[in-house]
Amino acid sequence: MKHHPRLVAFDLDGTLAESKQRVSYDMGESLAQLLKKMPIAIMSGAGFPQFEKQFFPAIPMEANLNNLYIFPTNAAQCFVYRTEAWKPQYDHAFSATDRDEIHRAITDASAELSMPEPKQVWGDIVQDRGAQITFSAVGQEAPVAAKQEWAAAYNDKRKELRNLLAKKLPNYSVSTGGITSIDITPKGITKAYGIKRLAELTGVPVEDMLYVGDALEEGGNDAVVKETGVPTHQVFGPKETEGLINSLLEQQLTK
C-alpha cells in the first residue's frame, strides 16, 4: 500500500466480521497490534450494545483502548475509553417527537409500497437505537443466510422504501445499511460526519486517515465517507481486512 495512514477507520459488518457475527479473536489480536501504532475508529450502524456483544469480546484486555474510537449508529454517537470505562463523547439521540414521526413514516411507507411479508422474522423489524432507528426486513437477529435470501429477492424493494422514507422524512438522514436494513439518523449525521469529528478528536487530518469498508461502491453504505476526501480501501470480507492490517503493520516496521 502506497498510502501511509496515521489513523485507520473500519466498518464493522462485512469488514471486521460477517453480519452481526462476533469479531474473531485473530482479528481482535491484529487490531490490538495496530492500536499500538496508531488510533483506530470503528464506524457502524450497530448500536453500542451490539458492539458489546460483537466487537469488544475479541479485543485483548491489554490493548491500548485509549487509542480506540467507537462510532455506533452511523456516527450519531461516539464513545471513548477514559478512566477504565467507555464514555460518550457525544450523543445525538432522538427526541420522543422524532421517534413518533419516524415510526409513523416507516409504517405508512411500508403500506404504500406493499412491502413483502417475510416468511420468518428474527427479532424486531424496527429497532430504536437511541440516536438511530433501523428497519430490518427480516428482523435484527436474522441469520446471514436469511438476510441474503431476502436481499436477493427484494433489494430493489428496499431501495424504493429508502427513497420513499427520504421524501417523508426530509429533516433526517436515511440510508441503506447492512444487507436488509435502512438506517435513519438526525439530518447530516452519517459516517462522513463521523470522519470529520474523528479529525477534531484526534488532530489527525482527514487526508492522513484511511477508511476501510466493504461497501464503498456507489450506493454502498460506506460510500458517503468519500465526500470528506478521506482515502479509502475496499475489502470483501474479514479475511481481506486481516491481510490489510498485516500490510499496515509491516509498513510501520519499515519506517
C-alpha atoms as a PDB file:
ATOM      1  CA  MET A   1       0.000   0.000   0.000  1.00  0.00           C
ATOM      2  CA  LYS A   2       1.421   3.372  -1.077  1.00  0.00           C
ATOM      3  CA  HIS A   3      -0.670   5.411   1.370  1.00  0.00           C
ATOM      4  CA  HIS A   4       0.844   5.613   4.866  1.00  0.00           C
ATOM      5  CA  PRO A   5      -2.087   6.420   7.193  1.00  0.00           C
ATOM      6  CA  ARG A   6      -1.707   7.798  10.692  1.00  0.00           C
ATOM      7  CA  LEU A   7      -5.197   6.553  11.650  1.00  0.00           C
ATOM      8  CA  VAL A   8      -7.484   3.823  10.285  1.00  0.00           C
ATOM      9  CA  ALA A   9     -11.292   3.774  10.475  1.00  0.00           C
ATOM     10  CA  PHE A  10     -13.050   0.459   9.897  1.00  0.00           C
ATOM     11  CA  ASP A  11     -16.605  -0.511   9.077  1.00  0.00           C
ATOM     12  CA  LEU A  12     -17.827  -3.426  11.233  1.00  0.00           C
ATOM     13  CA  ASP A  13     -20.219  -5.811   9.443  1.00  0.00           C
ATOM     14  CA  GLY A  14     -18.742  -7.272   6.277  1.00  0.00           C
ATOM     15  CA  THR A  15     -15.358  -5.742   7.117  1.00  0.00           C
ATOM     16  CA  LEU A  16     -14.211  -6.871  10.568  1.00  0.00           C
ATOM     17  CA  ALA A  17     -16.854  -9.618  10.886  1.00  0.00           C
ATOM     18  CA  GLU A  18     -19.712 -11.178   8.985  1.00  0.00           C
ATOM     19  CA  SER A  19     -23.099  -9.540   9.532  1.00  0.00           C
ATOM     20  CA  LYS A  20     -23.967  -9.472  13.261  1.00  0.00           C
ATOM     21  CA  GLN A  21     -21.359 -12.184  13.932  1.00  0.00           C
ATOM     22  CA  ARG A  22     -18.652 -11.881  16.563  1.00  0.00           C
ATOM     23  CA  VAL A  23     -15.292 -10.485  15.543  1.00  0.00           C
ATOM     24  CA  SER A  24     -12.742 -13.322  15.626  1.00  0.00           C
ATOM     25  CA  TYR A  25     -10.018 -13.439  18.258  1.00  0.00           C
ATOM     26  CA  ASP A  26      -7.397 -13.356  15.486  1.00  0.00           C
ATOM     27  CA  MET A  27      -8.927 -10.125  14.170  1.00  0.00           C
ATOM     28  CA  GLY A  28      -9.018  -8.735  17.700  1.00  0.00           C
ATOM     29  CA  GLU A  29      -5.326  -9.505  18.157  1.00  0.00           C
ATOM     30  CA  SER A  30      -4.484  -7.857  14.819  1.00  0.00           C
ATOM     31  CA  LEU A  31      -6.410  -4.740  15.827  1.00  0.00           C
ATOM     32  CA  ALA A  32      -4.640  -4.692  19.196  1.00  0.00           C
ATOM     33  CA  GLN A  33      -1.281  -4.729  17.407  1.00  0.00           C
ATOM     34  CA  LEU A  34      -2.399  -1.834  15.199  1.00  0.00           C
ATOM     35  CA  LEU A  35      -3.624   0.107  18.255  1.00  0.00           C
ATOM     36  CA  LYS A  36      -0.021   0.119  19.493  1.00  0.00           C
ATOM     37  CA  LYS A  37       0.930   2.072  16.375  1.00  0.00           C
ATOM     38  CA  MET A  38      -1.974   4.461  15.723  1.00  0.00           C
ATOM     39  CA  PRO A  39      -5.553   5.421  16.628  1.00  0.00           C
ATOM     40  CA  ILE A  40      -8.345   3.229  15.250  1.00  0.00           C
ATOM     41  CA  ALA A  41     -12.032   4.035  14.792  1.00  0.00           C
ATOM     42  CA  ILE A  42     -14.917   1.604  14.258  1.00  0.00           C
ATOM     43  CA  MET A  43     -17.959   3.051  12.468  1.00  0.00           C
ATOM     44  CA  SER A  44     -21.154   1.050  12.185  1.00  0.00           C
ATOM     45  CA  GLY A  45     -24.917   1.299  12.033  1.00  0.00           C
ATOM     46  CA  ALA A  46     -24.951  -1.027  15.059  1.00  0.00           C
ATOM     47  CA  GLY A  47     -25.870   0.386  18.456  1.00  0.00           C
ATOM     48  CA  PHE A  48     -23.405   0.370  21.361  1.00  0.00           C
ATOM     49  CA  PRO A  49     -24.991  -2.754  22.937  1.00  0.00           C
ATOM     50  CA  GLN A  50     -24.238  -4.617  19.696  1.00  0.00           C
ATOM     51  CA  PHE A  51     -20.586  -3.559  19.976  1.00  0.00           C
ATOM     52  CA  GLU A  52     -20.571  -5.041  23.477  1.00  0.00           C
ATOM     53  CA  LYS A  53     -21.701  -8.402  22.081  1.00  0.00           C
ATOM     54  CA  GLN A  54     -19.972  -8.441  18.721  1.00  0.00           C
ATOM     55  CA  PHE A  55     -16.761  -6.443  18.968  1.00  0.00           C
ATOM     56  CA  PHE A  56     -15.378  -5.943  22.477  1.00  0.00           C
ATOM     57  CA  PRO A  57     -15.092  -9.659  23.438  1.00  0.00           C
ATOM     58  CA  ALA A  58     -12.439 -10.098  20.712  1.00  0.00           C
ATOM     59  CA  ILE A  59     -10.194  -7.263  21.888  1.00  0.00           C
ATOM     60  CA  PRO A  60      -7.384  -8.341  24.264  1.00  0.00           C
ATOM     61  CA  MET A  61      -7.560  -6.812  27.746  1.00  0.00           C
ATOM     62  CA  GLU A  62      -4.094  -5.328  27.365  1.00  0.00           C
ATOM     63  CA  ALA A  63      -4.983  -3.442  24.151  1.00  0.00           C
ATOM     64  CA  ASN A  64      -4.429   0.323  24.117  1.00  0.00           C
ATOM     65  CA  LEU A  65      -8.103   1.237  24.348  1.00  0.00           C
ATOM     66  CA  ASN A  66      -7.295   4.932  24.728  1.00  0.00           C
ATOM     67  CA  ASN A  67      -6.421   4.798  21.023  1.00  0.00           C
ATOM     68  CA  LEU A  68      -9.824   3.309  20.095  1.00  0.00           C
ATOM     69  CA  TYR A  69     -12.830   5.401  18.995  1.00  0.00           C
ATOM     70  CA  ILE A  70     -16.252   3.755  18.714  1.00  0.00           C
ATOM     71  CA  PHE A  71     -18.886   5.359  16.453  1.00  0.00           C
ATOM     72  CA  PRO A  72     -22.197   3.453  16.772  1.00  0.00           C
ATOM     73  CA  THR A  73     -25.391   4.294  14.884  1.00  0.00           C
ATOM     74  CA  ASN A  74     -23.585   5.659  11.812  1.00  0.00           C
ATOM     75  CA  ALA A  75     -21.640   8.175  13.915  1.00  0.00           C
ATOM     76  CA  ALA A  76     -24.707   9.624  15.627  1.00  0.00           C
ATOM     77  CA  GLN A  77     -22.823   8.670  18.795  1.00  0.00           C
ATOM     78  CA  CYS A  78     -19.158   8.438  19.752  1.00  0.00           C
ATOM     79  CA  PHE A  79     -17.638   6.567  22.696  1.00  0.00           C
ATOM     80  CA  VAL A  80     -14.084   6.821  24.035  1.00  0.00           C
ATOM     81  CA  TYR A  81     -12.297   4.828  26.738  1.00  0.00           C
ATOM     82  CA  ARG A  82     -11.314   7.012  29.658  1.00  0.00           C
ATOM     83  CA  THR A  83     -10.620   6.178  33.332  1.00  0.00           C
ATOM     84  CA  GLU A  84     -11.238   2.473  32.636  1.00  0.00           C
ATOM     85  CA  ALA A  85     -14.732   2.897  31.190  1.00  0.00           C
ATOM     86  CA  TRP A  86     -16.432   3.622  27.877  1.00  0.00           C
ATOM     87  CA  LYS A  87     -17.903   7.118  27.973  1.00  0.00           C
ATOM     88  CA  PRO A  88     -19.975   9.043  25.417  1.00  0.00           C
ATOM     89  CA  GLN A  89     -18.027  11.791  23.666  1.00  0.00           C
ATOM     90  CA  TYR A  90     -21.286  12.961  22.075  1.00  0.00           C
ATOM     91  CA  ASP A  91     -24.795  11.592  21.579  1.00  0.00           C
ATOM     92  CA  HIS A  92     -27.330  12.923  19.067  1.00  0.00           C
ATOM     93  CA  ALA A  93     -30.238  10.902  20.471  1.00  0.00           C
ATOM     94  CA  PHE A  94     -33.751  11.382  19.042  1.00  0.00           C
ATOM     95  CA  SER A  95     -36.495  13.166  20.954  1.00  0.00           C
ATOM     96  CA  ALA A  96     -39.855  11.481  21.616  1.00  0.00           C
ATOM     97  CA  THR A  97     -41.382  13.618  18.829  1.00  0.00           C
ATOM     98  CA  ASP A  98     -38.675  12.488  16.396  1.00  0.00           C
ATOM     99  CA  ARG A  99     -39.308   8.854  17.264  1.00  0.00           C
ATOM    100  CA  ASP A 100     -43.052   9.137  16.719  1.00  0.00           C
ATOM    101  CA  GLU A 101     -42.561  10.816  13.343  1.00  0.00           C
ATOM    102  CA  ILE A 102     -40.083   8.185  12.156  1.00  0.00           C
ATOM    103  CA  HIS A 103     -42.136   5.190  13.286  1.00  0.00           C
ATOM    104  CA  ARG A 104     -45.220   6.632  11.587  1.00  0.00           C
ATOM    105  CA  ALA A 105     -43.286   7.201   8.342  1.00  0.00           C
ATOM    106  CA  ILE A 106     -41.974   3.612   8.311  1.00  0.00           C
ATOM    107  CA  THR A 107     -45.492   2.243   8.823  1.00  0.00           C
ATOM    108  CA  ASP A 108     -47.024   4.468   6.127  1.00  0.00           C
ATOM    109  CA  ALA A 109     -44.244   3.908   3.574  1.00  0.00           C
ATOM    110  CA  SER A 110     -44.300   0.135   4.057  1.00  0.00           C
ATOM    111  CA  ALA A 111     -48.059   0.111   3.452  1.00  0.00           C
ATOM    112  CA  GLU A 112     -47.828   2.334   0.369  1.00  0.00           C
ATOM    113  CA  LEU A 113     -45.207   0.080  -1.211  1.00  0.00           C
ATOM    114  CA  SER A 114     -46.889  -3.169  -0.090  1.00  0.00           C
ATOM    115  CA  MET A 115     -43.584  -4.367   1.349  1.00  0.00           C
ATOM    116  CA  PRO A 116     -43.428  -8.174   1.195  1.00  0.00           C
ATOM    117  CA  GLU A 117     -44.126 -10.053   4.407  1.00  0.00           C
ATOM    118  CA  PRO A 118     -41.077 -12.156   5.342  1.00  0.00           C
ATOM    119  CA  LYS A 119     -41.581 -15.904   5.761  1.00  0.00           C
ATOM    120  CA  GLN A 120     -39.941 -15.705   9.165  1.00  0.00           C
ATOM    121  CA  VAL A 121     -38.778 -12.862  11.407  1.00  0.00           C
ATOM    122  CA  TRP A 122     -35.877 -12.938  13.865  1.00  0.00           C
ATOM    123  CA  GLY A 123     -36.200 -10.173  16.459  1.00  0.00           C
ATOM    124  CA  ASP A 124     -37.593  -6.680  15.945  1.00  0.00           C
ATOM    125  CA  ILE A 125     -38.117  -5.386  12.415  1.00  0.00           C
ATOM    126  CA  VAL A 126     -37.881  -1.787  13.676  1.00  0.00           C
ATOM    127  CA  GLN A 127     -35.313  -1.145  16.379  1.00  0.00           C
ATOM    128  CA  ASP A 128     -34.749   2.110  18.287  1.00  0.00           C
ATOM    129  CA  ARG A 129     -31.032   2.543  18.950  1.00  0.00           C
ATOM    130  CA  GLY A 130     -31.341   5.924  20.649  1.00  0.00           C
ATOM    131  CA  ALA A 131     -29.620   8.051  18.024  1.00  0.00           C
ATOM    132  CA  GLN A 132     -30.754   5.840  15.145  1.00  0.00           C
ATOM    133  CA  ILE A 133     -33.897   3.947  14.187  1.00  0.00           C
ATOM    134  CA  THR A 134     -33.295   0.945  11.964  1.00  0.00           C
ATOM    135  CA  PHE A 135     -35.689  -1.014   9.777  1.00  0.00           C
ATOM    136  CA  SER A 136     -34.517  -4.591   9.140  1.00  0.00           C
ATOM    137  CA  ALA A 137     -36.682  -6.528   6.710  1.00  0.00           C
ATOM    138  CA  VAL A 138     -36.343  -9.937   8.377  1.00  0.00           C
ATOM    139  CA  GLY A 139     -35.535  -8.789  11.911  1.00  0.00           C
ATOM    140  CA  GLN A 140     -32.471  -7.587  13.785  1.00  0.00           C
ATOM    141  CA  GLU A 141     -31.276 -11.064  14.754  1.00  0.00           C
ATOM    142  CA  ALA A 142     -31.768 -12.818  11.410  1.00  0.00           C
ATOM    143  CA  PRO A 143     -29.014 -15.227  10.299  1.00  0.00           C
ATOM    144  CA  VAL A 144     -26.845 -14.084   7.406  1.00  0.00           C
ATOM    145  CA  ALA A 145     -28.321 -16.684   5.031  1.00  0.00           C
ATOM    146  CA  ALA A 146     -31.861 -15.431   5.645  1.00  0.00           C
ATOM    147  CA  LYS A 147     -30.769 -11.828   5.052  1.00  0.00           C
ATOM    148  CA  GLN A 148     -29.022 -12.771   1.828  1.00  0.00           C
ATOM    149  CA  GLU A 149     -32.049 -14.698   0.592  1.00  0.00           C
ATOM    150  CA  TRP A 150     -34.332 -11.719   1.235  1.00  0.00           C
ATOM    151  CA  ALA A 151     -31.899  -9.257  -0.358  1.00  0.00           C
ATOM    152  CA  ALA A 152     -31.563 -11.393  -3.481  1.00  0.00           C
ATOM    153  CA  ALA A 153     -35.326 -11.250  -3.969  1.00  0.00           C
ATOM    154  CA  TYR A 154     -36.230  -7.790  -2.686  1.00  0.00           C
ATOM    155  CA  ASN A 155     -33.206  -5.462  -2.636  1.00  0.00           C
ATOM    156  CA  ASP A 156     -34.842  -3.223  -5.261  1.00  0.00           C
ATOM    157  CA  LYS A 157     -37.868  -3.003  -2.956  1.00  0.00           C
ATOM    158  CA  ARG A 158     -35.582  -1.909  -0.118  1.00  0.00           C
ATOM    159  CA  LYS A 159     -34.205   0.883  -2.326  1.00  0.00           C
ATOM    160  CA  GLU A 160     -37.777   2.004  -3.092  1.00  0.00           C
ATOM    161  CA  LEU A 161     -38.561   2.072   0.623  1.00  0.00           C
ATOM    162  CA  ARG A 162     -35.399   4.028   1.373  1.00  0.00           C
ATOM    163  CA  ASN A 163     -36.241   6.608  -1.315  1.00  0.00           C
ATOM    164  CA  LEU A 164     -39.834   6.996  -0.108  1.00  0.00           C
ATOM    165  CA  LEU A 165     -38.712   7.382   3.510  1.00  0.00           C
ATOM    166  CA  ALA A 166     -36.225  10.059   2.439  1.00  0.00           C
ATOM    167  CA  LYS A 167     -39.149  12.007   0.928  1.00  0.00           C
ATOM    168  CA  LYS A 168     -41.335  11.521   4.003  1.00  0.00           C
ATOM    169  CA  LEU A 169     -38.501  12.403   6.405  1.00  0.00           C
ATOM    170  CA  PRO A 170     -36.688  15.368   4.819  1.00  0.00           C
ATOM    171  CA  ASN A 171     -35.322  16.502   8.181  1.00  0.00           C
ATOM    172  CA  TYR A 172     -33.413  13.246   8.758  1.00  0.00           C
ATOM    173  CA  SER A 173     -30.676  11.241   7.049  1.00  0.00           C
ATOM    174  CA  VAL A 174     -31.969   7.980   5.549  1.00  0.00           C
ATOM    175  CA  SER A 175     -29.572   5.366   4.172  1.00  0.00           C
ATOM    176  CA  THR A 176     -29.389   1.669   3.423  1.00  0.00           C
ATOM    177  CA  GLY A 177     -27.253  -0.354   5.803  1.00  0.00           C
ATOM    178  CA  GLY A 178     -26.082  -3.940   6.108  1.00  0.00           C
ATOM    179  CA  ILE A 179     -27.845  -6.489   3.911  1.00  0.00           C
ATOM    180  CA  THR A 180     -31.527  -5.781   4.616  1.00  0.00           C
ATOM    181  CA  SER A 181     -31.609  -2.609   6.716  1.00  0.00           C
ATOM    182  CA  ILE A 182     -32.481   1.064   6.389  1.00  0.00           C
ATOM    183  CA  ASP A 183     -30.936   3.434   8.947  1.00  0.00           C
ATOM    184  CA  ILE A 184     -32.481   6.755   9.979  1.00  0.00           C
ATOM    185  CA  THR A 185     -30.334   9.264  11.854  1.00  0.00           C
ATOM    186  CA  PRO A 186     -30.508  13.004  12.585  1.00  0.00           C
ATOM    187  CA  LYS A 187     -30.049  15.194   9.498  1.00  0.00           C
ATOM    188  CA  GLY A 188     -26.438  15.362   8.363  1.00  0.00           C
ATOM    189  CA  ILE A 189     -25.328  12.629  10.759  1.00  0.00           C
ATOM    190  CA  THR A 190     -23.591   9.979   8.669  1.00  0.00           C
ATOM    191  CA  LYS A 191     -20.214   8.244   8.638  1.00  0.00           C
ATOM    192  CA  ALA A 192     -18.913  11.317   6.791  1.00  0.00           C
ATOM    193  CA  TYR A 193     -19.841  13.372   9.860  1.00  0.00           C
ATOM    194  CA  GLY A 194     -18.017  10.769  11.947  1.00  0.00           C
ATOM    195  CA  ILE A 195     -14.840  11.167   9.894  1.00  0.00           C
ATOM    196  CA  LYS A 196     -14.909  14.946  10.402  1.00  0.00           C
ATOM    197  CA  ARG A 197     -15.478  14.584  14.165  1.00  0.00           C
ATOM    198  CA  LEU A 198     -12.710  11.984  14.315  1.00  0.00           C
ATOM    199  CA  ALA A 199     -10.284  14.524  12.825  1.00  0.00           C
ATOM    200  CA  GLU A 200     -11.303  17.026  15.520  1.00  0.00           C
ATOM    201  CA  LEU A 201     -10.932  14.496  18.332  1.00  0.00           C
ATOM    202  CA  THR A 202      -7.552  13.129  17.300  1.00  0.00           C
ATOM    203  CA  GLY A 203      -5.910  16.035  15.490  1.00  0.00           C
ATOM    204  CA  VAL A 204      -5.196  13.708  12.549  1.00  0.00           C
ATOM    205  CA  PRO A 205      -6.094  15.405   9.229  1.00  0.00           C
ATOM    206  CA  VAL A 206      -8.621  13.550   7.066  1.00  0.00           C
ATOM    207  CA  GLU A 207      -6.055  13.110   4.294  1.00  0.00           C
ATOM    208  CA  ASP A 208      -3.796  11.214   6.721  1.00  0.00           C
ATOM    209  CA  MET A 209      -6.520   8.685   7.571  1.00  0.00           C
ATOM    210  CA  LEU A 210      -7.660   5.522   5.816  1.00  0.00           C
ATOM    211  CA  TYR A 211     -11.265   4.276   5.762  1.00  0.00           C
ATOM    212  CA  VAL A 212     -11.726   0.519   5.232  1.00  0.00           C
ATOM    213  CA  GLY A 213     -15.131  -0.883   4.281  1.00  0.00           C
ATOM    214  CA  ASP A 214     -16.904  -3.490   2.179  1.00  0.00           C
ATOM    215  CA  ALA A 215     -19.485  -1.170   0.564  1.00  0.00           C
ATOM    216  CA  LEU A 216     -17.563   1.773  -0.859  1.00  0.00           C
ATOM    217  CA  GLU A 217     -19.003   1.455  -4.355  1.00  0.00           C
ATOM    218  CA  GLU A 218     -21.607   3.986  -5.486  1.00  0.00           C
ATOM    219  CA  GLY A 219     -24.785   3.398  -3.496  1.00  0.00           C
ATOM    220  CA  GLY A 220     -22.948   1.353  -0.849  1.00  0.00           C
ATOM    221  CA  ASN A 221     -23.417   2.230   2.798  1.00  0.00           C
ATOM    222  CA  ASP A 222     -19.754   3.192   3.230  1.00  0.00           C
ATOM    223  CA  ALA A 223     -19.583   5.402   0.125  1.00  0.00           C
ATOM    224  CA  VAL A 224     -20.722   8.544   1.971  1.00  0.00           C
ATOM    225  CA  VAL A 225     -17.274   8.889   3.586  1.00  0.00           C
ATOM    226  CA  LYS A 226     -15.777   9.755   0.194  1.00  0.00           C
ATOM    227  CA  GLU A 227     -17.315  13.234   0.353  1.00  0.00           C
ATOM    228  CA  THR A 228     -14.799  14.080   3.098  1.00  0.00           C
ATOM    229  CA  GLY A 229     -11.822  13.289   0.851  1.00  0.00           C
ATOM    230  CA  VAL A 230     -10.635  10.508   3.165  1.00  0.00           C
ATOM    231  CA  PRO A 231      -8.527   7.860   1.377  1.00  0.00           C
ATOM    232  CA  THR A 232     -10.449   4.575   1.205  1.00  0.00           C
ATOM    233  CA  HIS A 233      -9.771   0.872   0.729  1.00  0.00           C
ATOM    234  CA  GLN A 234     -12.462  -1.614  -0.326  1.00  0.00           C
ATOM    235  CA  VAL A 235     -12.412  -5.121   1.137  1.00  0.00           C
ATOM    236  CA  PHE A 236     -14.565  -8.163   0.507  1.00  0.00           C
ATOM    237  CA  GLY A 237     -14.818  -9.663   3.943  1.00  0.00           C
ATOM    238  CA  PRO A 238     -12.828 -10.076   7.176  1.00  0.00           C
ATOM    239  CA  LYS A 239     -10.043 -12.173   5.631  1.00  0.00           C
ATOM    240  CA  GLU A 240      -9.097  -9.354   3.275  1.00  0.00           C
ATOM    241  CA  THR A 241      -9.242  -6.916   6.179  1.00  0.00           C
ATOM    242  CA  GLU A 242      -6.811  -9.032   8.199  1.00  0.00           C
ATOM    243  CA  GLY A 243      -4.460  -9.049   5.218  1.00  0.00           C
ATOM    244  CA  LEU A 244      -4.661  -5.271   5.001  1.00  0.00           C
ATOM    245  CA  ILE A 245      -3.941  -4.852   8.723  1.00  0.00           C
ATOM    246  CA  ASN A 246      -0.887  -7.102   8.376  1.00  0.00           C
ATOM    247  CA  SER A 247       0.316  -4.913   5.491  1.00  0.00           C
ATOM    248  CA  LEU A 248      -0.154  -1.791   7.610  1.00  0.00           C
ATOM    249  CA  LEU A 249       1.819  -3.362  10.469  1.00  0.00           C
ATOM    250  CA  GLU A 250       4.646  -4.323   8.093  1.00  0.00           C
ATOM    251  CA  GLN A 251       4.585  -0.768   6.755  1.00  0.00           C
ATOM    252  CA  GLN A 252       5.110   0.537  10.292  1.00  0.00           C
ATOM    253  CA  LEU A 253       8.127  -1.741  10.759  1.00  0.00           C
ATOM    254  CA  THR A 254       9.839  -0.364   7.654  1.00  0.00           C
ATOM    255  CA  LYS A 255       9.559   3.265   8.786  1.00  0.00           C
END
